[in-house]
Protein backbone atom coordinates (compact mmCIF):
# COMPACT_ATOMS: atom_id res chain seq x y z
CA UNK A 1 -68.14 57.67 -41.04
CA UNK A 2 -67.41 61.16 -42.37
CA UNK A 3 -67.02 62.21 -45.98
CA UNK A 4 -63.31 61.46 -46.04
CA UNK A 5 -63.96 57.73 -45.58
CA UNK A 6 -66.13 57.49 -48.69
CA UNK A 7 -64.80 56.84 -52.17
CA UNK A 8 -64.28 60.10 -54.04
CA UNK A 9 -65.22 60.50 -57.68
CA UNK A 10 -61.88 58.97 -58.66
CA UNK A 11 -62.54 55.89 -56.54
CA UNK A 12 -59.81 56.56 -53.98
CA UNK A 13 -60.73 55.30 -50.54
CA UNK A 14 -59.35 56.39 -47.20
CA UNK A 15 -58.65 59.44 -45.17
CA UNK A 16 -55.49 61.47 -44.54
CA UNK A 17 -53.16 59.50 -42.30
CA UNK A 18 -54.00 56.14 -43.86
CA UNK A 19 -51.35 54.59 -46.09
CA UNK A 20 -53.97 53.98 -48.79
CA UNK A 21 -55.05 57.63 -48.99
CA UNK A 22 -54.07 59.48 -52.15
CA UNK A 23 -54.92 63.06 -53.06
CA UNK A 24 -57.56 63.23 -55.82
CA UNK A 25 -55.33 65.05 -58.30
CA UNK A 26 -52.43 62.68 -57.62
CA UNK A 27 -54.71 59.67 -57.99
CA UNK A 28 -56.00 60.87 -61.36
CA UNK A 29 -52.48 61.51 -62.64
CA UNK A 30 -51.21 58.16 -61.37
CA UNK A 31 -54.10 56.24 -62.91
CA UNK A 32 -53.50 57.75 -66.37
CA UNK A 33 -49.75 57.20 -66.04
CA UNK A 34 -49.93 53.57 -64.98
CA UNK A 35 -52.42 52.66 -67.72
CA UNK A 36 -50.15 54.30 -70.28
CA UNK A 37 -47.14 52.36 -68.97
CA UNK A 38 -48.94 49.00 -68.94
CA UNK A 39 -50.37 49.38 -72.45
CA UNK A 40 -47.13 50.80 -73.85
CA UNK A 41 -45.06 47.86 -72.59
CA UNK A 42 -47.64 45.39 -73.87
CA UNK A 43 -47.52 46.85 -77.38
CA UNK A 44 -43.71 46.98 -77.40
CA UNK A 45 -43.31 43.42 -76.09
CA UNK A 46 -45.84 42.06 -78.57
CA UNK A 47 -43.94 43.61 -81.47
CA UNK A 48 -40.61 42.23 -80.22
CA UNK A 49 -42.06 38.71 -79.96
CA UNK A 50 -43.56 38.94 -83.47
CA UNK A 51 -40.26 40.22 -84.84
CA UNK A 52 -38.34 37.41 -83.13
CA UNK A 53 -40.70 34.80 -84.58
CA UNK A 54 -40.36 36.33 -88.04
CA UNK A 55 -36.53 36.22 -88.00
CA UNK A 56 -36.28 33.01 -85.97
CA UNK A 57 -34.16 34.53 -83.17
CA UNK A 58 -34.49 32.64 -79.87
CA UNK A 59 -32.64 35.22 -77.76
CA UNK A 60 -34.82 38.05 -79.03
CA UNK A 61 -37.93 35.93 -78.42
CA UNK A 62 -36.88 35.26 -74.82
CA UNK A 63 -36.19 38.94 -74.22
CA UNK A 64 -39.62 39.83 -75.61
CA UNK A 65 -41.37 37.25 -73.44
CA UNK A 66 -39.50 38.49 -70.36
CA UNK A 67 -41.51 41.72 -70.59
CA UNK A 68 -44.52 39.71 -69.39
CA UNK A 69 -43.45 40.43 -65.80
CA UNK A 70 -43.67 44.18 -66.38
CA UNK A 71 -46.99 43.88 -68.23
CA UNK A 72 -48.43 41.82 -65.36
CA UNK A 73 -47.05 44.12 -62.69
CA UNK A 74 -48.22 47.42 -64.14
CA UNK A 75 -51.44 45.83 -65.41
CA UNK A 76 -52.39 44.71 -61.90
CA UNK A 77 -51.69 48.21 -60.58
CA UNK A 78 -53.76 49.83 -63.33
CA UNK A 79 -56.74 47.53 -62.78
CA UNK A 80 -56.84 47.71 -58.98
CA UNK A 81 -55.69 51.21 -58.07
CA UNK A 82 -58.49 53.36 -56.66
CA UNK A 83 -60.53 50.47 -55.33
CA UNK A 84 -60.97 49.76 -51.64
CA UNK A 85 -58.02 49.54 -49.26
CA UNK A 86 -58.11 45.74 -49.04
CA UNK A 87 -58.03 45.36 -52.83
CA UNK A 88 -55.04 47.68 -53.03
CA UNK A 89 -53.20 45.72 -50.35
CA UNK A 90 -53.80 42.46 -52.21
CA UNK A 91 -52.73 44.07 -55.47
CA UNK A 92 -49.50 45.29 -53.86
CA UNK A 93 -48.87 41.80 -52.52
CA UNK A 94 -49.52 40.38 -56.00
CA UNK A 95 -47.00 42.81 -57.47
CA UNK A 96 -44.53 41.75 -54.81
CA UNK A 97 -45.23 38.16 -55.80
CA UNK A 98 -44.51 38.95 -59.45
CA UNK A 99 -41.19 40.46 -58.41
CA UNK A 100 -40.35 37.42 -56.30
CA UNK A 101 -41.09 35.15 -59.27
CA UNK A 102 -38.85 37.37 -61.39
CA UNK A 103 -36.11 36.94 -58.81
CA UNK A 104 -36.41 33.15 -58.87
CA UNK A 105 -36.57 33.22 -62.67
CA UNK A 106 -33.31 35.20 -62.71
CA UNK A 107 -31.66 32.55 -60.54
CA UNK A 108 -33.01 29.77 -62.76
CA UNK A 109 -31.75 31.60 -65.83
CA UNK A 110 -28.35 31.91 -64.16
CA UNK A 111 -28.25 28.17 -63.48
CA UNK A 112 -29.30 27.44 -67.07
CA UNK A 113 -26.58 29.71 -68.48
CA UNK A 114 -23.96 27.95 -66.37
CA UNK A 115 -25.17 24.47 -67.29
CA UNK A 116 -25.79 25.24 -70.98
CA UNK A 117 -23.73 28.25 -72.14
CA UNK A 118 -25.58 30.16 -74.85
CA UNK A 119 -24.11 31.46 -78.09
CA UNK A 120 -23.61 35.21 -78.21
CA UNK A 121 -26.03 37.08 -80.51
CA UNK A 122 -24.63 40.57 -80.21
CA UNK A 123 -27.13 42.45 -82.36
CA UNK A 124 -30.08 40.99 -80.43
CA UNK A 125 -28.30 41.60 -77.15
CA UNK A 126 -27.55 45.22 -78.03
CA UNK A 127 -31.12 45.89 -79.15
CA UNK A 128 -32.59 44.32 -76.01
CA UNK A 129 -30.21 46.17 -73.70
CA UNK A 130 -30.73 49.54 -75.38
CA UNK A 131 -34.52 49.26 -75.53
CA UNK A 132 -34.72 48.06 -71.92
CA UNK A 133 -32.67 51.04 -70.72
CA UNK A 134 -34.77 53.53 -72.67
CA UNK A 135 -38.04 52.07 -71.36
CA UNK A 136 -36.77 51.82 -67.78
CA UNK A 137 -35.62 55.44 -67.75
CA UNK A 138 -38.91 56.61 -69.25
CA UNK A 139 -40.92 54.71 -66.61
CA UNK A 140 -38.83 56.09 -63.75
CA UNK A 141 -39.32 59.57 -65.18
CA UNK A 142 -43.08 59.08 -65.37
CA UNK A 143 -43.32 57.67 -61.81
CA UNK A 144 -40.79 60.01 -60.18
CA UNK A 145 -43.44 62.41 -58.89
CA UNK A 146 -45.16 59.53 -57.06
CA UNK A 147 -42.04 58.13 -55.33
CA UNK A 148 -42.93 59.50 -51.87
CA UNK A 149 -46.54 58.27 -51.83
CA UNK A 150 -47.37 55.74 -49.08
CA UNK A 151 -50.14 54.00 -51.00
CA UNK A 152 -49.01 50.33 -51.31
CA UNK A 153 -49.84 50.05 -55.02
CA UNK A 154 -47.93 53.22 -55.87
CA UNK A 155 -45.01 52.16 -53.69
CA UNK A 156 -44.92 48.76 -55.40
CA UNK A 157 -44.79 50.22 -58.90
CA UNK A 158 -42.18 52.78 -57.90
CA UNK A 159 -39.94 50.08 -56.40
CA UNK A 160 -40.36 48.04 -59.57
CA UNK A 161 -39.32 50.95 -61.78
CA UNK A 162 -36.32 51.58 -59.55
CA UNK A 163 -35.29 47.93 -59.85
CA UNK A 164 -35.67 48.01 -63.63
CA UNK A 165 -33.31 50.97 -63.97
CA UNK A 166 -30.70 49.29 -61.79
CA UNK A 167 -30.95 45.92 -63.52
CA UNK A 168 -31.15 47.15 -67.11
CA UNK A 169 -28.34 49.67 -66.87
CA UNK A 170 -26.27 47.18 -64.93
CA UNK A 171 -26.79 44.46 -67.52
CA UNK A 172 -25.93 46.92 -70.27
CA UNK A 173 -22.72 48.13 -68.63
CA UNK A 174 -21.64 44.86 -67.01
CA UNK A 175 -23.48 42.06 -68.76
CA UNK A 176 -22.80 43.20 -72.30
CA UNK A 177 -19.08 43.56 -71.67
CA UNK A 178 -18.94 40.27 -69.76
CA UNK A 179 -20.51 38.34 -72.62
CA UNK A 180 -17.79 39.33 -75.09
CA UNK A 181 -14.95 38.61 -72.65
CA UNK A 182 -13.31 35.20 -72.15
CA UNK A 183 -14.82 35.03 -68.62
CA UNK A 184 -18.50 35.02 -67.73
CA UNK A 185 -18.39 35.42 -63.95
CA UNK A 186 -19.27 39.20 -63.94
CA UNK A 187 -22.52 38.37 -65.74
CA UNK A 188 -23.29 35.58 -63.27
CA UNK A 189 -22.53 37.82 -60.30
CA UNK A 190 -24.86 40.52 -61.59
CA UNK A 191 -27.65 37.96 -62.02
CA UNK A 192 -27.37 37.28 -58.28
CA UNK A 193 -27.47 41.03 -57.55
CA UNK A 194 -30.64 41.45 -59.64
CA UNK A 195 -32.32 38.52 -57.89
CA UNK A 196 -31.47 40.05 -54.50
CA UNK A 197 -32.93 43.41 -55.57
CA UNK A 198 -36.16 41.67 -56.60
CA UNK A 199 -36.42 39.93 -53.23
CA UNK A 200 -35.64 43.16 -51.35
CA UNK A 201 -38.43 44.96 -53.20
CA UNK A 202 -40.82 42.08 -52.46
CA UNK A 203 -40.02 42.43 -48.74
CA UNK A 204 -40.49 46.21 -48.81
CA UNK A 205 -43.83 45.87 -50.61
CA UNK A 206 -45.00 43.22 -48.14
CA UNK A 207 -44.19 45.52 -45.22
CA UNK A 208 -45.99 48.46 -46.84
CA UNK A 209 -49.10 46.37 -47.58
CA UNK A 210 -49.53 44.89 -44.08
CA UNK A 211 -52.75 45.97 -42.36
CA UNK A 212 -50.89 46.87 -39.16
CA UNK A 213 -48.88 49.46 -41.11
CA UNK A 214 -52.12 51.14 -42.15
CA UNK A 215 -53.45 51.00 -38.60
CA UNK A 216 -50.21 52.51 -37.27
CA UNK A 217 -50.47 55.36 -39.79
CA UNK A 218 -53.99 56.10 -38.62
CA UNK A 219 -52.93 55.97 -34.95
CA UNK A 220 -49.98 58.27 -35.53
CA UNK A 221 -52.20 60.75 -37.38
CA UNK A 222 -54.77 60.71 -34.60
CA UNK A 223 -52.07 61.15 -31.97
CA UNK A 224 -50.78 64.24 -33.73
CA UNK A 225 -54.12 66.05 -33.62
């Protein structure tokens, strides 16, 4: 085993050609970024939940609790990134699992809205939509430089941020309008779209985290020498 196979001082394991390999400078920047994202969302969500409890607003409380998926996703990435290749693969799969759960939760929420239509609370809806868009755009901006990395953990968080931008802006532009119209079907249709995006990202993450993908990357690199 040469020096490239050993963990560097940032804890990144692997060698060029492996999907898990990340340049030292990129790894350091990603680690700081992902910790900042995870902690920032946690603080924001906690304040929204406390505010909702203080004013007794159920819709605002639900929107605050929904951030738990993002806290879990980015928290897993922050805790595991830079460990050995197997740990990163399992972390990526866990992130994919979180996104799959979010997809099923979206479908359940759709069913619940159809069975038990909810009263419209426009001020809470507008606050949640606006804050979600701002946070999603900020996260995409922070992770943009890492979008082409093959590391499974980085790929998983990038796909998550991409999904958040699509879903939050879509809900703001489609869902908000749909909820004040006499018909609700555009909102229901977009729920299905969001669930499909979550499942697509889960599939892409699973493919990126498979051991045979890493082995193929190593083989291709060796063949090119």
